[in-house]
PDB file of all heavy atoms in Angstrom:
ATOM      1  N   ASN A   1     -43.939  30.158  33.985  1.00  0.00           N
ATOM      2  CA  ASN A   1     -44.000  31.410  33.229  1.00  0.00           C
ATOM      3  C   ASN A   1     -45.406  31.999  33.232  1.00  0.00           C
ATOM      4  O   ASN A   1     -45.588  33.216  33.378  1.00  0.00           O
ATOM      5  CB  ASN A   1     -43.520  31.190  31.795  1.00  0.00           C
ATOM      6  CG  ASN A   1     -42.012  31.092  31.684  1.00  0.00           C
ATOM      7  OD1 ASN A   1     -41.289  31.478  32.600  1.00  0.00           O
ATOM      8  ND2 ASN A   1     -41.525  30.582  30.564  1.00  0.00           N
ATOM      9  N   LEU A   2     -46.403  31.145  33.057  1.00  0.00           N
ATOM     10  CA  LEU A   2     -47.789  31.608  33.134  1.00  0.00           C
ATOM     11  C   LEU A   2     -48.112  32.128  34.530  1.00  0.00           C
ATOM     12  O   LEU A   2     -48.747  33.182  34.700  1.00  0.00           O
ATOM     13  CB  LEU A   2     -48.747  30.472  32.759  1.00  0.00           C
ATOM     14  CG  LEU A   2     -48.736  30.022  31.297  1.00  0.00           C
ATOM     15  CD1 LEU A   2     -49.473  28.696  31.143  1.00  0.00           C
ATOM     16  CD2 LEU A   2     -49.364  31.084  30.400  1.00  0.00           C
ATOM     17  N   ARG A   3     -47.664  31.396  35.546  1.00  0.00           N
ATOM     18  CA  ARG A   3     -47.967  31.791  36.930  1.00  0.00           C
ATOM     19  C   ARG A   3     -47.308  33.119  37.300  1.00  0.00           C
ATOM     20  O   ARG A   3     -47.884  33.902  38.063  1.00  0.00           O
ATOM     21  CB  ARG A   3     -47.534  30.690  37.898  1.00  0.00           C
ATOM     22  CG  ARG A   3     -48.387  29.437  37.817  1.00  0.00           C
ATOM     23  CD  ARG A   3     -48.096  28.478  38.948  1.00  0.00           C
ATOM     24  NE  ARG A   3     -48.836  27.240  38.787  1.00  0.00           N
ATOM     25  CZ  ARG A   3     -50.128  27.085  39.072  1.00  0.00           C
ATOM     26  NH1 ARG A   3     -50.827  28.118  39.537  1.00  0.00           N
ATOM     27  NH2 ARG A   3     -50.714  25.914  38.893  1.00  0.00           N
ATOM     28  N   GLN A   4     -46.115  33.380  36.779  1.00  0.00           N
ATOM     29  CA  GLN A   4     -45.474  34.645  37.135  1.00  0.00           C
ATOM     30  C   GLN A   4     -46.279  35.823  36.605  1.00  0.00           C
ATOM     31  O   GLN A   4     -46.383  36.855  37.256  1.00  0.00           O
ATOM     32  CB  GLN A   4     -44.033  34.716  36.623  1.00  0.00           C
ATOM     33  CG  GLN A   4     -43.833  35.076  35.178  1.00  0.00           C
ATOM     34  CD  GLN A   4     -42.397  35.474  34.877  1.00  0.00           C
ATOM     35  OE1 GLN A   4     -42.012  36.627  35.018  1.00  0.00           O
ATOM     36  NE2 GLN A   4     -41.608  34.501  34.461  1.00  0.00           N
ATOM     37  N   PHE A   5     -46.904  35.659  35.443  1.00  0.00           N
ATOM     38  CA  PHE A   5     -47.710  36.743  34.890  1.00  0.00           C
ATOM     39  C   PHE A   5     -49.032  36.899  35.634  1.00  0.00           C
ATOM     40  O   PHE A   5     -49.574  37.997  35.723  1.00  0.00           O
ATOM     41  CB  PHE A   5     -47.951  36.516  33.398  1.00  0.00           C
ATOM     42  CG  PHE A   5     -46.798  36.903  32.523  1.00  0.00           C
ATOM     43  CD1 PHE A   5     -46.523  36.182  31.366  1.00  0.00           C
ATOM     44  CD2 PHE A   5     -45.989  37.990  32.833  1.00  0.00           C
ATOM     45  CE1 PHE A   5     -45.460  36.538  30.539  1.00  0.00           C
ATOM     46  CE2 PHE A   5     -44.926  38.355  32.011  1.00  0.00           C
ATOM     47  CZ  PHE A   5     -44.665  37.632  30.869  1.00  0.00           C
ATOM     48  N   VAL A   6     -49.573  35.784  36.164  1.00  0.00           N
ATOM     49  CA  VAL A   6     -50.762  35.894  37.017  1.00  0.00           C
ATOM     50  C   VAL A   6     -50.419  36.686  38.271  1.00  0.00           C
ATOM     51  O   VAL A   6     -51.130  37.615  38.671  1.00  0.00           O
ATOM     52  CB  VAL A   6     -51.303  34.498  37.403  1.00  0.00           C
ATOM     53  CG1 VAL A   6     -52.415  34.624  38.440  1.00  0.00           C
ATOM     54  CG2 VAL A   6     -51.819  33.761  36.168  1.00  0.00           C
ATOM     55  N   THR A   7     -49.319  36.340  38.903  1.00  0.00           N
ATOM     56  CA  THR A   7     -48.879  37.020  40.115  1.00  0.00           C
ATOM     57  C   THR A   7     -48.668  38.507  39.873  1.00  0.00           C
ATOM     58  O   THR A   7     -48.978  39.349  40.723  1.00  0.00           O
ATOM     59  CB  THR A   7     -47.580  36.380  40.635  1.00  0.00           C
ATOM     60  OG1 THR A   7     -47.818  34.997  40.915  1.00  0.00           O
ATOM     61  CG2 THR A   7     -47.088  37.075  41.890  1.00  0.00           C
ATOM     62  N   GLN A   8     -48.157  38.830  38.698  1.00  0.00           N
ATOM     63  CA  GLN A   8     -47.860  40.212  38.377  1.00  0.00           C
ATOM     64  C   GLN A   8     -49.051  40.947  37.755  1.00  0.00           C
ATOM     65  O   GLN A   8     -48.921  42.079  37.303  1.00  0.00           O
ATOM     66  CB  GLN A   8     -46.633  40.249  37.467  1.00  0.00           C
ATOM     67  CG  GLN A   8     -45.391  39.753  38.192  1.00  0.00           C
ATOM     68  CD  GLN A   8     -44.286  39.280  37.268  1.00  0.00           C
ATOM     69  OE1 GLN A   8     -44.436  39.299  36.052  1.00  0.00           O
ATOM     70  NE2 GLN A   8     -43.177  38.855  37.843  1.00  0.00           N
ATOM     71  N   LYS A   9     -50.206  40.270  37.743  1.00  0.00           N
ATOM     72  CA  LYS A   9     -51.491  40.870  37.396  1.00  0.00           C
ATOM     73  C   LYS A   9     -51.532  41.468  35.999  1.00  0.00           C
ATOM     74  O   LYS A   9     -51.926  42.625  35.796  1.00  0.00           O
ATOM     75  CB  LYS A   9     -51.901  41.911  38.448  1.00  0.00           C
ATOM     76  CG  LYS A   9     -52.022  41.350  39.853  1.00  0.00           C
ATOM     77  CD  LYS A   9     -52.568  42.373  40.828  1.00  0.00           C
ATOM     78  CE  LYS A   9     -52.601  41.821  42.248  1.00  0.00           C
ATOM     79  NZ  LYS A   9     -53.421  40.600  42.368  1.00  0.00           N
ATOM     80  N   CYS A  10     -51.161  40.670  35.025  1.00  0.00           N
ATOM     81  CA  CYS A  10     -51.336  41.074  33.636  1.00  0.00           C
ATOM     82  C   CYS A  10     -52.832  41.111  33.308  1.00  0.00           C
ATOM     83  O   CYS A  10     -53.615  40.349  33.865  1.00  0.00           O
ATOM     84  CB  CYS A  10     -50.654  40.091  32.700  1.00  0.00           C
ATOM     85  SG  CYS A  10     -48.855  40.077  32.846  1.00  0.00           S
ATOM     86  N   ASN A  11     -53.208  41.977  32.383  1.00  0.00           N
ATOM     87  CA  ASN A  11     -54.597  42.003  31.929  1.00  0.00           C
ATOM     88  C   ASN A  11     -54.898  40.839  30.988  1.00  0.00           C
ATOM     89  O   ASN A  11     -56.000  40.291  30.996  1.00  0.00           O
ATOM     90  CB  ASN A  11     -54.890  43.312  31.190  1.00  0.00           C
ATOM     91  CG  ASN A  11     -54.757  44.517  32.093  1.00  0.00           C
ATOM     92  OD1 ASN A  11     -53.659  45.027  32.267  1.00  0.00           O
ATOM     93  ND2 ASN A  11     -55.850  44.963  32.686  1.00  0.00           N
ATOM     94  N   PHE A  12     -53.927  40.485  30.169  1.00  0.00           N
ATOM     95  CA  PHE A  12     -54.115  39.436  29.164  1.00  0.00           C
ATOM     96  C   PHE A  12     -52.827  38.625  29.104  1.00  0.00           C
ATOM     97  O   PHE A  12     -51.741  39.194  28.953  1.00  0.00           O
ATOM     98  CB  PHE A  12     -54.404  40.085  27.804  1.00  0.00           C
ATOM     99  CG  PHE A  12     -54.727  39.115  26.696  1.00  0.00           C
ATOM    100  CD1 PHE A  12     -56.009  38.635  26.528  1.00  0.00           C
ATOM    101  CD2 PHE A  12     -53.746  38.704  25.798  1.00  0.00           C
ATOM    102  CE1 PHE A  12     -56.316  37.754  25.485  1.00  0.00           C
ATOM    103  CE2 PHE A  12     -54.040  37.830  24.759  1.00  0.00           C
ATOM    104  CZ  PHE A  12     -55.334  37.358  24.605  1.00  0.00           C
ATOM    105  N   ILE A  13     -52.941  37.314  29.262  1.00  0.00           N
ATOM    106  CA  ILE A  13     -51.775  36.431  29.229  1.00  0.00           C
ATOM    107  C   ILE A  13     -51.936  35.485  28.047  1.00  0.00           C
ATOM    108  O   ILE A  13     -52.871  34.689  27.999  1.00  0.00           O
ATOM    109  CB  ILE A  13     -51.626  35.627  30.534  1.00  0.00           C
ATOM    110  CG1 ILE A  13     -51.494  36.575  31.735  1.00  0.00           C
ATOM    111  CG2 ILE A  13     -50.415  34.700  30.446  1.00  0.00           C
ATOM    112  CD1 ILE A  13     -51.502  35.862  33.077  1.00  0.00           C
ATOM    113  N   LEU A  14     -51.008  35.579  27.097  1.00  0.00           N
ATOM    114  CA  LEU A  14     -51.086  34.781  25.886  1.00  0.00           C
ATOM    115  C   LEU A  14     -50.088  33.635  25.922  1.00  0.00           C
ATOM    116  O   LEU A  14     -48.887  33.844  26.088  1.00  0.00           O
ATOM    117  CB  LEU A  14     -50.804  35.664  24.665  1.00  0.00           C
ATOM    118  CG  LEU A  14     -50.820  34.948  23.313  1.00  0.00           C
ATOM    119  CD1 LEU A  14     -52.220  34.408  23.011  1.00  0.00           C
ATOM    120  CD2 LEU A  14     -50.351  35.880  22.201  1.00  0.00           C
ATOM    121  N   ALA A  15     -50.598  32.427  25.744  1.00  0.00           N
ATOM    122  CA  ALA A  15     -49.760  31.234  25.612  1.00  0.00           C
ATOM    123  C   ALA A  15     -49.633  30.928  24.127  1.00  0.00           C
ATOM    124  O   ALA A  15     -50.640  30.786  23.429  1.00  0.00           O
ATOM    125  CB  ALA A  15     -50.395  30.053  26.346  1.00  0.00           C
ATOM    126  N   VAL A  16     -48.405  30.827  23.638  1.00  0.00           N
ATOM    127  CA  VAL A  16     -48.185  30.651  22.205  1.00  0.00           C
ATOM    128  C   VAL A  16     -47.837  29.200  21.907  1.00  0.00           C
ATOM    129  O   VAL A  16     -46.755  28.727  22.246  1.00  0.00           O
ATOM    130  CB  VAL A  16     -47.075  31.594  21.689  1.00  0.00           C
ATOM    131  CG1 VAL A  16     -46.947  31.454  20.176  1.00  0.00           C
ATOM    132  CG2 VAL A  16     -47.387  33.041  22.051  1.00  0.00           C
ATOM    133  N   GLY A  17     -48.774  28.504  21.284  1.00  0.00           N
ATOM    134  CA  GLY A  17     -48.484  27.148  20.846  1.00  0.00           C
ATOM    135  C   GLY A  17     -49.344  26.088  21.502  1.00  0.00           C
ATOM    136  O   GLY A  17     -49.654  26.166  22.699  1.00  0.00           O
ATOM    137  N   GLY A  18     -49.721  25.094  20.701  1.00  0.00           N
ATOM    138  CA  GLY A  18     -50.575  24.020  21.196  1.00  0.00           C
ATOM    139  C   GLY A  18     -49.968  23.209  22.314  1.00  0.00           C
ATOM    140  O   GLY A  18     -50.696  22.624  23.129  1.00  0.00           O
ATOM    141  N   LEU A  19     -48.641  23.147  22.396  1.00  0.00           N
ATOM    142  CA  LEU A  19     -48.001  22.393  23.471  1.00  0.00           C
ATOM    143  C   LEU A  19     -48.291  22.989  24.842  1.00  0.00           C
ATOM    144  O   LEU A  19     -48.119  22.318  25.860  1.00  0.00           O
ATOM    145  CB  LEU A  19     -46.489  22.345  23.250  1.00  0.00           C
ATOM    146  CG  LEU A  19     -45.986  21.455  22.110  1.00  0.00           C
ATOM    147  CD1 LEU A  19     -44.478  21.604  21.954  1.00  0.00           C
ATOM    148  CD2 LEU A  19     -46.345  19.993  22.363  1.00  0.00           C
ATOM    149  N   MET A  20     -48.715  24.236  24.878  1.00  0.00           N
ATOM    150  CA  MET A  20     -48.961  24.898  26.152  1.00  0.00           C
ATOM    151  C   MET A  20     -50.383  24.686  26.669  1.00  0.00           C
ATOM    152  O   MET A  20     -50.767  25.229  27.699  1.00  0.00           O
ATOM    153  CB  MET A  20     -48.672  26.404  26.027  1.00  0.00           C
ATOM    154  CG  MET A  20     -47.222  26.688  25.663  1.00  0.00           C
ATOM    155  SD  MET A  20     -46.823  28.445  25.618  1.00  0.00           S
ATOM    156  CE  MET A  20     -46.932  28.825  27.355  1.00  0.00           C
ATOM    157  N   GLY A  21     -51.172  23.877  25.945  1.00  0.00           N
ATOM    158  CA  GLY A  21     -52.564  23.681  26.318  1.00  0.00           C
ATOM    159  C   GLY A  21     -52.764  23.172  27.732  1.00  0.00           C
ATOM    160  O   GLY A  21     -53.584  23.692  28.491  1.00  0.00           O
ATOM    161  N   GLY A  22     -52.018  22.143  28.118  1.00  0.00           N
ATOM    162  CA  GLY A  22     -52.190  21.559  29.448  1.00  0.00           C
ATOM    163  C   GLY A  22     -51.850  22.520  30.559  1.00  0.00           C
ATOM    164  O   GLY A  22     -52.608  22.657  31.535  1.00  0.00           O
ATOM    165  N   ALA A  23     -50.726  23.209  30.434  1.00  0.00           N
ATOM    166  CA  ALA A  23     -50.315  24.171  31.460  1.00  0.00           C
ATOM    167  C   ALA A  23     -51.298  25.327  31.535  1.00  0.00           C
ATOM    168  O   ALA A  23     -51.649  25.796  32.633  1.00  0.00           O
ATOM    169  CB  ALA A  23     -48.914  24.690  31.158  1.00  0.00           C
ATOM    170  N   THR A  24     -51.770  25.790  30.378  1.00  0.00           N
ATOM    171  CA  THR A  24     -52.713  26.910  30.348  1.00  0.00           C
ATOM    172  C   THR A  24     -54.037  26.515  30.997  1.00  0.00           C
ATOM    173  O   THR A  24     -54.617  27.287  31.777  1.00  0.00           O
ATOM    174  CB  THR A  24     -52.945  27.369  28.903  1.00  0.00           C
ATOM    175  OG1 THR A  24     -51.686  27.713  28.302  1.00  0.00           O
ATOM    176  CG2 THR A  24     -53.854  28.584  28.859  1.00  0.00           C
ATOM    177  N   GLU A  25     -54.511  25.324  30.690  1.00  0.00           N
ATOM    178  CA  GLU A  25     -55.763  24.858  31.294  1.00  0.00           C
ATOM    179  C   GLU A  25     -55.644  24.813  32.815  1.00  0.00           C
ATOM    180  O   GLU A  25     -56.537  25.278  33.542  1.00  0.00           O
ATOM    181  CB  GLU A  25     -56.127  23.479  30.755  1.00  0.00           C
ATOM    182  CG  GLU A  25     -57.405  22.918  31.374  1.00  0.00           C
ATOM    183  CD  GLU A  25     -57.817  21.596  30.764  1.00  0.00           C
ATOM    184  OE1 GLU A  25     -57.036  21.035  29.954  1.00  0.00           O
ATOM    185  OE2 GLU A  25     -58.913  21.116  31.108  1.00  0.00           O
ATOM    186  N   LYS A  26     -54.552  24.273  33.298  1.00  0.00           N
ATOM    187  CA  LYS A  26     -54.368  24.145  34.746  1.00  0.00           C
ATOM    188  C   LYS A  26     -54.343  25.504  35.434  1.00  0.00           C
ATOM    189  O   LYS A  26     -55.060  25.734  36.422  1.00  0.00           O
ATOM    190  CB  LYS A  26     -53.060  23.402  35.027  1.00  0.00           C
ATOM    191  CG  LYS A  26     -52.779  23.184  36.514  1.00  0.00           C
ATOM    192  CD  LYS A  26     -51.483  22.397  36.706  1.00  0.00           C
ATOM    193  CE  LYS A  26     -51.192  22.173  38.185  1.00  0.00           C
ATOM    194  NZ  LYS A  26     -49.924  21.414  38.395  1.00  0.00           N
ATOM    195  N   VAL A  27     -53.545  26.422  34.911  1.00  0.00           N
ATOM    196  CA  VAL A  27     -53.415  27.727  35.550  1.00  0.00           C
ATOM    197  C   VAL A  27     -54.698  28.535  35.397  1.00  0.00           C
ATOM    198  O   VAL A  27     -55.116  29.233  36.327  1.00  0.00           O
ATOM    199  CB  VAL A  27     -52.210  28.484  34.955  1.00  0.00           C
ATOM    200  CG1 VAL A  27     -52.095  29.879  35.571  1.00  0.00           C
ATOM    201  CG2 VAL A  27     -50.918  27.707  35.194  1.00  0.00           C
ATOM    202  N   ALA A  28     -55.367  28.424  34.236  1.00  0.00           N
ATOM    203  CA  ALA A  28     -56.603  29.181  34.020  1.00  0.00           C
ATOM    204  C   ALA A  28     -57.720  28.714  34.944  1.00  0.00           C
ATOM    205  O   ALA A  28     -58.505  29.529  35.451  1.00  0.00           O
ATOM    206  CB  ALA A  28     -57.033  29.050  32.562  1.00  0.00           C
ATOM    207  N   LYS A  29     -57.816  27.409  35.174  1.00  0.00           N
ATOM    208  CA  LYS A  29     -58.862  26.895  36.063  1.00  0.00           C
ATOM    209  C   LYS A  29     -58.650  27.352  37.503  1.00  0.00           C
ATOM    210  O   LYS A  29     -59.601  27.482  38.272  1.00  0.00           O
ATOM    211  CB  LYS A  29     -58.882  25.364  36.002  1.00  0.00           C
ATOM    212  CG  LYS A  29     -59.552  24.807  34.757  1.00  0.00           C
ATOM    213  CD  LYS A  29     -59.585  23.283  34.782  1.00  0.00           C
ATOM    214  CE  LYS A  29     -60.369  22.723  33.621  1.00  0.00           C
ATOM    215  NZ  LYS A  29     -60.391  21.226  33.626  1.00  0.00           N
ATOM    216  N   GLU A  30     -57.401  27.591  37.872  1.00  0.00           N
ATOM    217  CA  GLU A  30     -57.098  28.043  39.228  1.00  0.00           C
ATOM    218  C   GLU A  30     -57.226  29.563  39.375  1.00  0.00           C
ATOM    219  O   GLU A  30     -57.195  30.070  40.500  1.00  0.00           O
ATOM    220  CB  GLU A  30     -55.677  27.619  39.607  1.00  0.00           C
ATOM    221  CG  GLU A  30     -55.497  26.116  39.700  1.00  0.00           C
ATOM    222  CD  GLU A  30     -54.038  25.722  39.874  1.00  0.00           C
ATOM    223  OE1 GLU A  30     -53.185  26.622  40.005  1.00  0.00           O
ATOM    224  OE2 GLU A  30     -53.743  24.500  39.887  1.00  0.00           O
ATOM    225  N   ASN A  31     -57.372  30.267  38.239  1.00  0.00           N
ATOM    226  CA  ASN A  31     -57.424  31.735  38.265  1.00  0.00           C
ATOM    227  C   ASN A  31     -58.520  32.210  37.313  1.00  0.00           C
ATOM    228  O   ASN A  31     -58.259  32.764  36.248  1.00  0.00           O
ATOM    229  CB  ASN A  31     -56.066  32.316  37.853  1.00  0.00           C
ATOM    230  CG  ASN A  31     -54.945  31.932  38.788  1.00  0.00           C
ATOM    231  OD1 ASN A  31     -54.726  32.557  39.817  1.00  0.00           O
ATOM    232  ND2 ASN A  31     -54.230  30.869  38.429  1.00  0.00           N
TER     233      ASN A  31
END
């Protein structure tokens, strides 16, 4: 879900919830 918004070039991508920390860190470091 995070990656689809990166691909679609959102200005701001919000992850809601502490459980999303790992996925957000991974995708953010790559982008």
